[in-house]
């Protein structure tokens, strides 16, 4: 094969390899950009979820405190009522009310 043909073939091969390398580098950059954008979107979503959860924690903590304060006041009112007007010794709930009390007790214990 003449030297001129060899040099032409070598130039053609180098051109093809150079084009492939440039395209490959651009493709790799595109893949990296896509992955980076996906990771940034996931991080932004995570940040929004954390902020939403923190807001919910604040609301729930305030409600817990309200319930604890209400629990104390209910206990105080109940204790005062028992002292001021105690039930007679012969006072017993009828069968319907007793069943309602038992059902409420069972539901309360099941919820724990």
PDB file of N, CA and C in Angstrom:
ATOM      1  N   UNK A   1       0.858  -1.162   0.000  1.00  0.00           N
ATOM      2  CA  UNK A   1       0.000   0.000   0.000  1.00  0.00           C
ATOM      3  C   UNK A   1       0.911   1.233   0.000  1.00  0.00           C
ATOM      4  N   UNK A   2       0.620   2.162  -0.876  1.00  0.00           N
ATOM      5  CA  UNK A   2       1.476   3.342  -0.958  1.00  0.00           C
ATOM      6  C   UNK A   2       1.367   4.198   0.315  1.00  0.00           C
ATOM      7  N   UNK A   3       2.381   4.932   0.584  1.00  0.00           N
ATOM      8  CA  UNK A   3       2.455   5.751   1.792  1.00  0.00           C
ATOM      9  C   UNK A   3       1.343   6.793   1.819  1.00  0.00           C
ATOM     10  N   UNK A   4       0.998   7.322   0.640  1.00  0.00           N
ATOM     11  CA  UNK A   4      -0.057   8.334   0.581  1.00  0.00           C
ATOM     12  C   UNK A   4      -1.398   7.732   1.024  1.00  0.00           C
ATOM     13  N   UNK A   5      -1.687   6.531   0.618  1.00  0.00           N
ATOM     14  CA  UNK A   5      -2.929   5.856   1.001  1.00  0.00           C
ATOM     15  C   UNK A   5      -2.916   5.563   2.497  1.00  0.00           C
ATOM     16  N   UNK A   6      -1.756   5.181   3.011  1.00  0.00           N
ATOM     17  CA  UNK A   6      -1.651   4.908   4.453  1.00  0.00           C
ATOM     18  C   UNK A   6      -1.889   6.174   5.270  1.00  0.00           C
ATOM     19  N   UNK A   7      -1.291   7.283   4.806  1.00  0.00           N
ATOM     20  CA  UNK A   7      -1.480   8.540   5.513  1.00  0.00           C
ATOM     21  C   UNK A   7      -2.946   8.997   5.435  1.00  0.00           C
ATOM     22  N   UNK A   8      -3.600   8.802   4.314  1.00  0.00           N
ATOM     23  CA  UNK A   8      -5.000   9.159   4.169  1.00  0.00           C
ATOM     24  C   UNK A   8      -5.867   8.311   5.100  1.00  0.00           C
ATOM     25  N   UNK A   9      -5.554   7.017   5.133  1.00  0.00           N
ATOM     26  CA  UNK A   9      -6.299   6.117   6.012  1.00  0.00           C
ATOM     27  C   UNK A   9      -6.073   6.495   7.478  1.00  0.00           C
ATOM     28  N   UNK A  10      -4.834   6.824   7.835  1.00  0.00           N
ATOM     29  CA  UNK A  10      -4.526   7.238   9.202  1.00  0.00           C
ATOM     30  C   UNK A  10      -5.265   8.533   9.543  1.00  0.00           C
ATOM     31  N   UNK A  11      -5.312   9.487   8.640  1.00  0.00           N
ATOM     32  CA  UNK A  11      -6.020  10.740   8.881  1.00  0.00           C
ATOM     33  C   UNK A  11      -7.508  10.481   9.055  1.00  0.00           C
ATOM     34  N   UNK A  12      -8.055   9.585   8.244  1.00  0.00           N
ATOM     35  CA  UNK A  12      -9.469   9.250   8.347  1.00  0.00           C
ATOM     36  C   UNK A  12      -9.774   8.592   9.697  1.00  0.00           C
ATOM     37  N   UNK A  13      -8.927   7.667  10.118  1.00  0.00           N
ATOM     38  CA  UNK A  13      -9.124   6.988  11.405  1.00  0.00           C
ATOM     39  C   UNK A  13      -9.014   7.992  12.552  1.00  0.00           C
ATOM     40  N   UNK A  14      -8.021   8.875  12.491  1.00  0.00           N
ATOM     41  CA  UNK A  14      -7.855   9.875  13.549  1.00  0.00           C
ATOM     42  C   UNK A  14      -9.047  10.836  13.586  1.00  0.00           C
ATOM     43  N   UNK A  15      -9.584  11.189  12.425  1.00  0.00           N
ATOM     44  CA  UNK A  15     -10.756  12.074  12.368  1.00  0.00           C
ATOM     45  C   UNK A  15     -11.958  11.392  13.011  1.00  0.00           C
ATOM     46  N   UNK A  16     -12.157  10.114  12.687  1.00  0.00           N
ATOM     47  CA  UNK A  16     -13.283   9.371  13.267  1.00  0.00           C
ATOM     48  C   UNK A  16     -13.113   9.238  14.781  1.00  0.00           C
ATOM     49  N   UNK A  17     -11.905   8.889  15.218  1.00  0.00           N
ATOM     50  CA  UNK A  17     -11.655   8.746  16.652  1.00  0.00           C
ATOM     51  C   UNK A  17     -11.791  10.093  17.373  1.00  0.00           C
ATOM     52  N   UNK A  18     -11.323  11.164  16.786  1.00  0.00           N
ATOM     53  CA  UNK A  18     -11.452  12.494  17.385  1.00  0.00           C
ATOM     54  C   UNK A  18     -12.904  12.906  17.494  1.00  0.00           C
ATOM     55  N   UNK A  19     -13.682  12.642  16.440  1.00  0.00           N
ATOM     56  CA  UNK A  19     -15.115  12.956  16.491  1.00  0.00           C
ATOM     57  C   UNK A  19     -15.823  12.133  17.554  1.00  0.00           C
ATOM     58  N   UNK A  20     -15.451  10.859  17.622  1.00  0.00           N
ATOM     59  CA  UNK A  20     -16.058  10.006  18.650  1.00  0.00           C
ATOM     60  C   UNK A  20     -15.703  10.524  20.041  1.00  0.00           C
ATOM     61  N   UNK A  21     -14.427  10.912  20.228  1.00  0.00           N
ATOM     62  CA  UNK A  21     -13.999  11.381  21.549  1.00  0.00           C
ATOM     63  C   UNK A  21     -14.721  12.677  21.936  1.00  0.00           C
ATOM     64  N   UNK A  22     -14.867  13.591  20.993  1.00  0.00           N
ATOM     65  CA  UNK A  22     -15.574  14.839  21.281  1.00  0.00           C
ATOM     66  C   UNK A  22     -17.044  14.572  21.598  1.00  0.00           C
ATOM     67  N   UNK A  23     -17.653  13.690  20.821  1.00  0.00           N
ATOM     68  CA  UNK A  23     -19.055  13.350  21.075  1.00  0.00           C
ATOM     69  C   UNK A  23     -19.197  12.635  22.420  1.00  0.00           C
ATOM     70  N   UNK A  24     -18.273  11.725  22.702  1.00  0.00           N
ATOM     71  CA  UNK A  24     -18.312  10.988  23.965  1.00  0.00           C
ATOM     72  C   UNK A  24     -18.173  11.931  25.145  1.00  0.00           C
ATOM     73  N   UNK A  25     -17.274  12.901  25.054  1.00  0.00           N
ATOM     74  CA  UNK A  25     -17.072  13.858  26.123  1.00  0.00           C
ATOM     75  C   UNK A  25     -18.333  14.704  26.328  1.00  0.00           C
ATOM     76  N   UNK A  26     -18.954  15.149  25.252  1.00  0.00           N
ATOM     77  CA  UNK A  26     -20.193  15.915  25.350  1.00  0.00           C
ATOM     78  C   UNK A  26     -21.321  15.078  25.925  1.00  0.00           C
ATOM     79  N   UNK A  27     -21.396  13.819  25.507  1.00  0.00           N
ATOM     80  CA  UNK A  27     -22.422  12.909  26.038  1.00  0.00           C
ATOM     81  C   UNK A  27     -22.220  12.711  27.538  1.00  0.00           C
ATOM     82  N   UNK A  28     -20.978  12.478  27.946  1.00  0.00           N
ATOM     83  CA  UNK A  28     -20.675  12.270  29.366  1.00  0.00           C
ATOM     84  C   UNK A  28     -21.029  13.521  30.173  1.00  0.00           C
ATOM     85  N   UNK A  29     -20.730  14.689  29.611  1.00  0.00           N
ATOM     86  CA  UNK A  29     -21.062  15.948  30.291  1.00  0.00           C
ATOM     87  C   UNK A  29     -22.576  16.090  30.438  1.00  0.00           C
ATOM     88  N   UNK A  30     -23.320  15.705  29.398  1.00  0.00           N
ATOM     89  CA  UNK A  30     -24.775  15.764  29.459  1.00  0.00           C
ATOM     90  C   UNK A  30     -25.338  14.836  30.521  1.00  0.00           C
ATOM     91  N   UNK A  31     -24.770  13.629  30.612  1.00  0.00           N
ATOM     92  CA  UNK A  31     -25.207  12.675  31.633  1.00  0.00           C
ATOM     93  C   UNK A  31     -24.898  13.222  33.023  1.00  0.00           C
ATOM     94  N   UNK A  32     -23.715  13.768  33.188  1.00  0.00           N
ATOM     95  CA  UNK A  32     -23.342  14.342  34.485  1.00  0.00           C
ATOM     96  C   UNK A  32     -24.258  15.507  34.861  1.00  0.00           C
ATOM     97  N   UNK A  33     -24.582  16.368  33.887  1.00  0.00           N
ATOM     98  CA  UNK A  33     -25.478  17.493  34.158  1.00  0.00           C
ATOM     99  C   UNK A  33     -26.867  17.014  34.569  1.00  0.00           C
ATOM    100  N   UNK A  34     -27.350  15.986  33.890  1.00  0.00           N
ATOM    101  CA  UNK A  34     -28.669  15.434  34.213  1.00  0.00           C
ATOM    102  C   UNK A  34     -28.679  14.844  35.622  1.00  0.00           C
ATOM    103  N   UNK A  35     -27.626  14.098  35.955  1.00  0.00           N
ATOM    104  CA  UNK A  35     -27.554  13.510  37.296  1.00  0.00           C
ATOM    105  C   UNK A  35     -27.436  14.592  38.369  1.00  0.00           C
ATOM    106  N   UNK A  36     -26.677  15.624  38.092  1.00  0.00           N
ATOM    107  CA  UNK A  36     -26.530  16.720  39.051  1.00  0.00           C
ATOM    108  C   UNK A  36     -27.865  17.436  39.259  1.00  0.00           C
ATOM    109  N   UNK A  37     -28.594  17.671  38.166  1.00  0.00           N
ATOM    110  CA  UNK A  37     -29.893  18.339  38.278  1.00  0.00           C
ATOM    111  C   UNK A  37     -30.865  17.477  39.087  1.00  0.00           C
ATOM    112  N   UNK A  38     -30.841  16.159  38.871  1.00  0.00           N
ATOM    113  CA  UNK A  38     -31.726  15.262  39.627  1.00  0.00           C
ATOM    114  C   UNK A  38     -31.363  15.278  41.114  1.00  0.00           C
ATOM    115  N   UNK A  39     -30.086  15.299  41.424  1.00  0.00           N
ATOM    116  CA  UNK A  39     -29.658  15.329  42.827  1.00  0.00           C
ATOM    117  C   UNK A  39     -30.036  16.655  43.493  1.00  0.00           C
ATOM    118  N   UNK A  40     -29.911  17.757  42.756  1.00  0.00           N
ATOM    119  CA  UNK A  40     -30.310  19.056  43.310  1.00  0.00           C
ATOM    120  C   UNK A  40     -31.815  19.117  43.545  1.00  0.00           C
ATOM    121  N   UNK A  41     -32.593  18.538  42.630  1.00  0.00           N
ATOM    122  CA  UNK A  41     -34.051  18.513  42.815  1.00  0.00           C
ATOM    123  C   UNK A  41     -34.422  17.661  44.023  1.00  0.00           C
ATOM    124  N   UNK A  42     -33.742  16.531  44.194  1.00  0.00           N
ATOM    125  CA  UNK A  42     -34.016  15.672  45.353  1.00  0.00           C
ATOM    126  C   UNK A  42     -33.645  16.391  46.650  1.00  0.00           C
ATOM    127  N   UNK A  43     -32.547  17.122  46.643  1.00  0.00           N
ATOM    128  CA  UNK A  43     -32.136  17.863  47.842  1.00  0.00           C
ATOM    129  C   UNK A  43     -33.133  18.972  48.168  1.00  0.00           C
ATOM    130  N   UNK A  44     -33.637  19.654  47.145  1.00  0.00           N
ATOM    131  CA  UNK A  44     -34.635  20.701  47.370  1.00  0.00           C
ATOM    132  C   UNK A  44     -35.926  20.109  47.930  1.00  0.00           C
ATOM    133  N   UNK A  45     -36.341  18.947  47.412  1.00  0.00           N
ATOM    134  CA  UNK A  45     -37.544  18.283  47.921  1.00  0.00           C
ATOM    135  C   UNK A  45     -37.334  17.847  49.372  1.00  0.00           C
ATOM    136  N   UNK A  46     -36.149  17.333  49.673  1.00  0.00           N
ATOM    137  CA  UNK A  46     -35.830  16.921  51.044  1.00  0.00           C
ATOM    138  C   UNK A  46     -35.892  18.129  51.987  1.00  0.00           C
ATOM    139  N   UNK A  47     -35.357  19.251  51.540  1.00  0.00           N
ATOM    140  CA  UNK A  47     -35.374  20.462  52.360  1.00  0.00           C
ATOM    141  C   UNK A  47     -36.806  20.917  52.612  1.00  0.00           C
ATOM    142  N   UNK A  48     -37.651  20.862  51.585  1.00  0.00           N
ATOM    143  CA  UNK A  48     -39.054  21.253  51.754  1.00  0.00           C
ATOM    144  C   UNK A  48     -39.777  20.303  52.705  1.00  0.00           C
ATOM    145  N   UNK A  49     -39.487  19.001  52.603  1.00  0.00           N
ATOM    146  CA  UNK A  49     -40.111  18.023  53.503  1.00  0.00           C
ATOM    147  C   UNK A  49     -39.682  18.239  54.950  1.00  0.00           C
ATOM    148  N   UNK A  50     -38.414  18.533  55.156  1.00  0.00           N
ATOM    149  CA  UNK A  50     -37.916  18.784  56.514  1.00  0.00           C
ATOM    150  C   UNK A  50     -38.585  20.018  57.105  1.00  0.00           C
ATOM    151  N   UNK A  51     -38.731  21.075  56.306  1.00  0.00           N
ATOM    152  CA  UNK A  51     -39.384  22.301  56.793  1.00  0.00           C
ATOM    153  C   UNK A  51     -40.841  22.018  57.151  1.00  0.00           C
ATOM    154  N   UNK A  52     -41.531  21.242  56.308  1.00  0.00           N
ATOM    155  CA  UNK A  52     -42.939  20.909  56.572  1.00  0.00           C
ATOM    156  C   UNK A  52     -43.065  20.072  57.848  1.00  0.00           C
ATOM    157  N   UNK A  53     -42.166  19.116  58.033  1.00  0.00           N
ATOM    158  CA  UNK A  53     -42.206  18.271  59.229  1.00  0.00           C
ATOM    159  C   UNK A  53     -41.910  19.106  60.473  1.00  0.00           C
ATOM    160  N   UNK A  54     -40.942  20.010  60.379  1.00  0.00           N
ATOM    161  CA  UNK A  54     -40.633  20.864  61.529  1.00  0.00           C
ATOM    162  C   UNK A  54     -41.820  21.743  61.905  1.00  0.00           C
ATOM    163  N   UNK A  55     -42.538  22.253  60.908  1.00  0.00           N
ATOM    164  CA  UNK A  55     -43.743  23.045  61.188  1.00  0.00           C
ATOM    165  C   UNK A  55     -44.791  22.193  61.889  1.00  0.00           C
ATOM    166  N   UNK A  56     -44.961  20.962  61.416  1.00  0.00           N
ATOM    167  CA  UNK A  56     -45.935  20.058  62.033  1.00  0.00           C
ATOM    168  C   UNK A  56     -45.550  19.723  63.469  1.00  0.00           C
ATOM    169  N   UNK A  57     -44.273  19.573  63.723  1.00  0.00           N
ATOM    170  CA  UNK A  57     -43.811  19.277  65.081  1.00  0.00           C
ATOM    171  C   UNK A  57     -44.163  20.424  66.014  1.00  0.00           C
ATOM    172  N   UNK A  58     -43.980  21.655  65.548  1.00  0.00           N
ATOM    173  CA  UNK A  58     -44.322  22.813  66.382  1.00  0.00           C
ATOM    174  C   UNK A  58     -45.802  22.851  66.706  1.00  0.00           C
ATOM    175  N   UNK A  59     -46.641  22.582  65.704  1.00  0.00           N
ATOM    176  CA  UNK A  59     -48.089  22.582  65.915  1.00  0.00           C
ATOM    177  C   UNK A  59     -48.477  21.464  66.887  1.00  0.00           C
ATOM    178  N   UNK A  60     -47.925  20.281  66.673  1.00  0.00           N
ATOM    179  CA  UNK A  60     -48.254  19.154  67.554  1.00  0.00           C
ATOM    180  C   UNK A  60     -47.773  19.393  68.987  1.00  0.00           C
ATOM    181  N   UNK A  61     -46.618  19.983  69.140  1.00  0.00           N
ATOM    182  CA  UNK A  61     -46.111  20.266  70.480  1.00  0.00           C
ATOM    183  C   UNK A  61     -47.031  21.252  71.197  1.00  0.00           C
ATOM    184  N   UNK A  62     -47.514  22.259  70.475  1.00  0.00           N
ATOM    185  CA  UNK A  62     -48.435  23.225  71.083  1.00  0.00           C
ATOM    186  C   UNK A  62     -49.739  22.536  71.493  1.00  0.00           C
ATOM    187  N   UNK A  63     -50.236  21.641  70.662  1.00  0.00           N
ATOM    188  CA  UNK A  63     -51.478  20.931  71.003  1.00  0.00           C
ATOM    189  C   UNK A  63     -51.278  19.996  72.191  1.00  0.00           C
ATOM    190  N   UNK A  64     -50.126  19.367  72.267  1.00  0.00           N
ATOM    191  CA  UNK A  64     -49.842  18.492  73.414  1.00  0.00           C
ATOM    192  C   UNK A  64     -49.853  19.311  74.701  1.00  0.00           C
ATOM    193  N   UNK A  65     -49.229  20.477  74.663  1.00  0.00           N
ATOM    194  CA  UNK A  65     -49.206  21.330  75.847  1.00  0.00           C
ATOM    195  C   UNK A  65     -50.620  21.780  76.224  1.00  0.00           C
ATOM    196  N   UNK A  66     -51.441  22.106  75.209  1.00  0.00           N
ATOM    197  CA  UNK A  66     -52.827  22.500  75.485  1.00  0.00           C
ATOM    198  C   UNK A  66     -53.583  21.358  76.160  1.00  0.00           C
ATOM    199  N   UNK A  67     -53.398  20.156  75.645  1.00  0.00           N
ATOM    200  CA  UNK A  67     -54.092  19.003  76.235  1.00  0.00           C
ATOM    201  C   UNK A  67     -53.611  18.707  77.649  1.00  0.00           C
ATOM    202  N   UNK A  68     -52.327  18.859  77.887  1.00  0.00           N
ATOM    203  CA  UNK A  68     -51.823  18.635  79.242  1.00  0.00           C
ATOM    204  C   UNK A  68     -52.395  19.664  80.212  1.00  0.00           C
ATOM    205  N   UNK A  69     -52.490  20.908  79.769  1.00  0.00           N
ATOM    206  CA  UNK A  69     -53.084  21.939  80.630  1.00  0.00           C
ATOM    207  C   UNK A  69     -54.567  21.668  80.854  1.00  0.00           C
ATOM    208  N   UNK A  70     -55.260  21.250  79.801  1.00  0.00           N
ATOM    209  CA  UNK A  70     -56.685  20.933  79.932  1.00  0.00           C
ATOM    210  C   UNK A  70     -56.884  19.733  80.853  1.00  0.00           C
ATOM    211  N   UNK A  71     -55.998  18.778  80.770  1.00  0.00           N
ATOM    212  CA  UNK A  71     -56.097  17.591  81.633  1.00  0.00           C
ATOM    213  C   UNK A  71     -56.013  17.987  83.102  1.00  0.00           C
ATOM    214  N   UNK A  72     -55.102  18.865  83.410  1.00  0.00           N
ATOM    215  CA  UNK A  72     -54.971  19.322  84.799  1.00  0.00           C
ATOM    216  C   UNK A  72     -56.231  20.057  85.257  1.00  0.00           C
ATOM    217  N   UNK A  73     -56.781  20.911  84.394  1.00  0.00           N
ATOM    218  CA  UNK A  73     -57.973  21.657  84.808  1.00  0.00           C
ATOM    219  C   UNK A  73     -59.172  20.726  84.956  1.00  0.00           C
ATOM    220  N   UNK A  74     -59.287  19.716  84.104  1.00  0.00           N
ATOM    221  CA  UNK A  74     -60.386  18.750  84.235  1.00  0.00           C
ATOM    222  C   UNK A  74     -60.250  17.980  85.543  1.00  0.00           C
ATOM    223  N   UNK A  75     -59.036  17.578  85.866  1.00  0.00           N
ATOM    224  CA  UNK A  75     -58.822  16.869  87.135  1.00  0.00           C
ATOM    225  C   UNK A  75     -59.205  17.750  88.324  1.00  0.00           C
ATOM    226  N   UNK A  76     -58.807  19.010  88.269  1.00  0.00           N
ATOM    227  CA  UNK A  76     -59.115  19.927  89.369  1.00  0.00           C
ATOM    228  C   UNK A  76     -60.618  20.120  89.506  1.00  0.00           C
ATOM    229  N   UNK A  77     -61.298  20.338  88.370  1.00  0.00           N
ATOM    230  CA  UNK A  77     -62.755  20.530  88.408  1.00  0.00           C
ATOM    231  C   UNK A  77     -63.428  19.269  88.928  1.00  0.00           C
ATOM    232  N   UNK A  78     -63.001  18.106  88.488  1.00  0.00           N
ATOM    233  CA  UNK A  78     -63.593  16.845  88.935  1.00  0.00           C
ATOM    234  C   UNK A  78     -63.367  16.654  90.431  1.00  0.00           C
ATOM    235  N   UNK A  79     -62.146  16.895  90.889  1.00  0.00           N
ATOM    236  CA  UNK A  79     -61.837  16.728  92.305  1.00  0.00           C
ATOM    237  C   UNK A  79     -62.691  17.681  93.156  1.00  0.00           C
ATOM    238  N   UNK A  80     -62.798  18.943  92.707  1.00  0.00           N
ATOM    239  CA  UNK A  80     -63.620  19.906  93.441  1.00  0.00           C
ATOM    240  C   UNK A  80     -65.084  19.478  93.470  1.00  0.00           C
ATOM    241  N   UNK A  81     -65.568  18.954  92.351  1.00  0.00           N
ATOM    242  CA  UNK A  81     -66.972  18.523  92.280  1.00  0.00           C
ATOM    243  C   UNK A  81     -67.221  17.337  93.208  1.00  0.00           C
ATOM    244  N   UNK A  82     -66.287  16.404  93.249  1.00  0.00           N
ATOM    245  CA  UNK A  82     -66.460  15.239  94.135  1.00  0.00           C
ATOM    246  C   UNK A  82     -66.475  15.672  95.591  1.00  0.00           C
ATOM    247  N   UNK A  83     -65.642  16.634  95.937  1.00  0.00           N
ATOM    248  CA  UNK A  83     -65.591  17.101  97.321  1.00  0.00           C
ATOM    249  C   UNK A  83     -66.855  17.885  97.680  1.00  0.00           C
ATOM    250  N   UNK A  84     -67.302  18.756  96.757  1.00  0.00           N
ATOM    251  CA  UNK A  84     -68.455  19.610  97.041  1.00  0.00           C
ATOM    252  C   UNK A  84     -69.777  18.844  97.053  1.00  0.00           C
ATOM    253  N   UNK A  85     -69.937  17.895  96.158  1.00  0.00           N
ATOM    254  CA  UNK A  85     -71.216  17.179  96.066  1.00  0.00           C
ATOM    255  C   UNK A  85     -70.949  15.700  95.831  1.00  0.00           C
ATOM    256  N   UNK A  86     -70.579  14.965  96.855  1.00  0.00           N
ATOM    257  CA  UNK A  86     -70.291  13.543  96.662  1.00  0.00           C
ATOM    258  C   UNK A  86     -71.566  12.771  96.310  1.00  0.00           C
ATOM    259  N   UNK A  87     -71.375  11.666  95.598  1.00  0.00           N
ATOM    260  CA  UNK A  87     -72.497  10.809  95.218  1.00  0.00           C
ATOM    261  C   UNK A  87     -72.980  10.044  96.451  1.00  0.00           C
ATOM    262  N   UNK A  88     -74.278   9.774  96.545  1.00  0.00           N
ATOM    263  CA  UNK A  88     -74.768   8.953  97.654  1.00  0.00           C
ATOM    264  C   UNK A  88     -74.223   7.531  97.542  1.00  0.00           C
ATOM    265  N   UNK A  89     -74.116   6.863  98.664  1.00  0.00           N
ATOM    266  CA  UNK A  89     -73.537   5.522  98.675  1.00  0.00           C
ATOM    267  C   UNK A  89     -74.369   4.514  97.895  1.00  0.00           C
ATOM    268  N   UNK A  90     -75.676   4.696  97.837  1.00  0.00           N
ATOM    269  CA  UNK A  90     -76.515   3.732  97.141  1.00  0.00           C
ATOM    270  C   UNK A  90     -76.700   4.072  95.659  1.00  0.00           C
ATOM    271  N   UNK A  91     -75.916   4.987  95.108  1.00  0.00           N
ATOM    272  CA  UNK A  91     -76.026   5.395  93.707  1.00  0.00           C
ATOM    273  C   UNK A  91     -75.241   4.414  92.843  1.00  0.00           C
ATOM    274  N   UNK A  92     -75.904   3.745  91.912  1.00  0.00           N
ATOM    275  CA  UNK A  92     -75.276   2.804  90.987  1.00  0.00           C
ATOM    276  C   UNK A  92     -75.790   3.082  89.587  1.00  0.00           C
ATOM    277  N   UNK A  93     -74.955   2.972  88.571  1.00  0.00           N
ATOM    278  CA  UNK A  93     -75.431   3.193  87.201  1.00  0.00           C
ATOM    279  C   UNK A  93     -76.344   2.045  86.765  1.00  0.00           C
ATOM    280  N   UNK A  94     -77.330   2.373  85.946  1.00  0.00           N
ATOM    281  CA  UNK A  94     -78.209   1.325  85.440  1.00  0.00           C
ATOM    282  C   UNK A  94     -77.445   0.489  84.403  1.00  0.00           C
ATOM    283  N   UNK A  95     -78.067  -0.562  83.887  1.00  0.00           N
ATOM    284  CA  UNK A  95     -77.384  -1.502  82.992  1.00  0.00           C
ATOM    285  C   UNK A  95     -76.902  -0.826  81.702  1.00  0.00           C
ATOM    286  N   UNK A  96     -77.688   0.066  81.149  1.00  0.00           N
ATOM    287  CA  UNK A  96     -77.310   0.730  79.897  1.00  0.00           C
ATOM    288  C   UNK A  96     -76.087   1.612  80.105  1.00  0.00           C
ATOM    289  N   UNK A  97     -76.112   2.427  81.163  1.00  0.00           N
ATOM    290  CA  UNK A  97     -74.970   3.297  81.441  1.00  0.00           C
ATOM    291  C   UNK A  97     -73.733   2.480  81.812  1.00  0.00           C
ATOM    292  N   UNK A  98     -73.922   1.385  82.531  1.00  0.00           N
ATOM    293  CA  UNK A  98     -72.796   0.533  82.890  1.00  0.00           C
ATOM    294  C   UNK A  98     -72.157  -0.048  81.628  1.00  0.00           C
ATOM    295  N   UNK A  99     -72.975  -0.467  80.648  1.00  0.00           N
ATOM    296  CA  UNK A  99     -72.453  -1.001  79.396  1.00  0.00           C
ATOM    297  C   UNK A  99     -71.702   0.098  78.628  1.00  0.00           C
ATOM    298  N   UNK A 100     -72.227   1.319  78.642  1.00  0.00           N
ATOM    299  CA  UNK A 100     -71.555   2.437  77.968  1.00  0.00           C
ATOM    300  C   UNK A 100     -70.199   2.702  78.624  1.00  0.00           C
ATOM    301  N   UNK A 101     -70.163   2.686  79.950  1.00  0.00           N
ATOM    302  CA  UNK A 101     -68.897   2.892  80.667  1.00  0.00           C
ATOM    303  C   UNK A 101     -67.894   1.797  80.318  1.00  0.00           C
ATOM    304  N   UNK A 102     -68.336   0.561  80.310  1.00  0.00           N
ATOM    305  CA  UNK A 102     -67.448  -0.568  80.015  1.00  0.00           C
ATOM    306  C   UNK A 102     -66.923  -0.487  78.581  1.00  0.00           C
ATOM    307  N   UNK A 103     -67.809  -0.136  77.635  1.00  0.00           N
ATOM    308  CA  UNK A 103     -67.376   0.009  76.248  1.00  0.00           C
ATOM    309  C   UNK A 103     -66.331   1.118  76.123  1.00  0.00           C
ATOM    310  N   UNK A 104     -66.561   2.227  76.779  1.00  0.00           N
ATOM    311  CA  UNK A 104     -65.609   3.341  76.736  1.00  0.00           C
ATOM    312  C   UNK A 104     -64.274   2.928  77.356  1.00  0.00           C
ATOM    313  N   UNK A 105     -64.332   2.169  78.454  1.00  0.00           N
ATOM    314  CA  UNK A 105     -63.097   1.705  79.100  1.00  0.00           C
ATOM    315  C   UNK A 105     -62.322   0.764  78.175  1.00  0.00           C
ATOM    316  N   UNK A 106     -63.031  -0.170  77.511  1.00  0.00           N
ATOM    317  CA  UNK A 106     -62.383  -1.103  76.602  1.00  0.00           C
ATOM    318  C   UNK A 106     -61.753  -0.355  75.418  1.00  0.00           C
ATOM    319  N   UNK A 107     -62.453   0.620  74.855  1.00  0.00           N
ATOM    320  CA  UNK A 107     -61.905   1.388  73.728  1.00  0.00           C
ATOM    321  C   UNK A 107     -60.687   2.189  74.160  1.00  0.00           C
ATOM    322  N   UNK A 108     -60.745   2.744  75.356  1.00  0.00           N
ATOM    323  CA  UNK A 108     -59.619   3.521  75.864  1.00  0.00           C
ATOM    324  C   UNK A 108     -58.400   2.628  76.055  1.00  0.00           C
ATOM    325  N   UNK A 109     -58.617   1.448  76.626  1.00  0.00           N
ATOM    326  CA  UNK A 109     -57.486   0.525  76.831  1.00  0.00           C
ATOM    327  C   UNK A 109     -56.960  -0.011  75.508  1.00  0.00           C
ATOM    328  N   UNK A 110     -57.824  -0.221  74.538  1.00  0.00           N
ATOM    329  CA  UNK A 110     -57.389  -0.724  73.225  1.00  0.00           C
ATOM    330  C   UNK A 110     -56.580   0.341  72.477  1.00  0.00           C
ATOM    331  N   UNK A 111     -56.853   1.596  72.741  1.00  0.00           N
ATOM    332  CA  UNK A 111     -56.155   2.686  72.047  1.00  0.00           C
ATOM    333  C   UNK A 111     -54.731   2.861  72.561  1.00  0.00           C
ATOM    334  N   UNK A 112     -54.419   2.329  73.699  1.00  0.00           N
ATOM    335  CA  UNK A 112     -53.059   2.492  74.267  1.00  0.00           C
ATOM    336  C   UNK A 112     -52.079   1.664  73.557  1.00  0.00           C
TER     337      UNK A 112
END
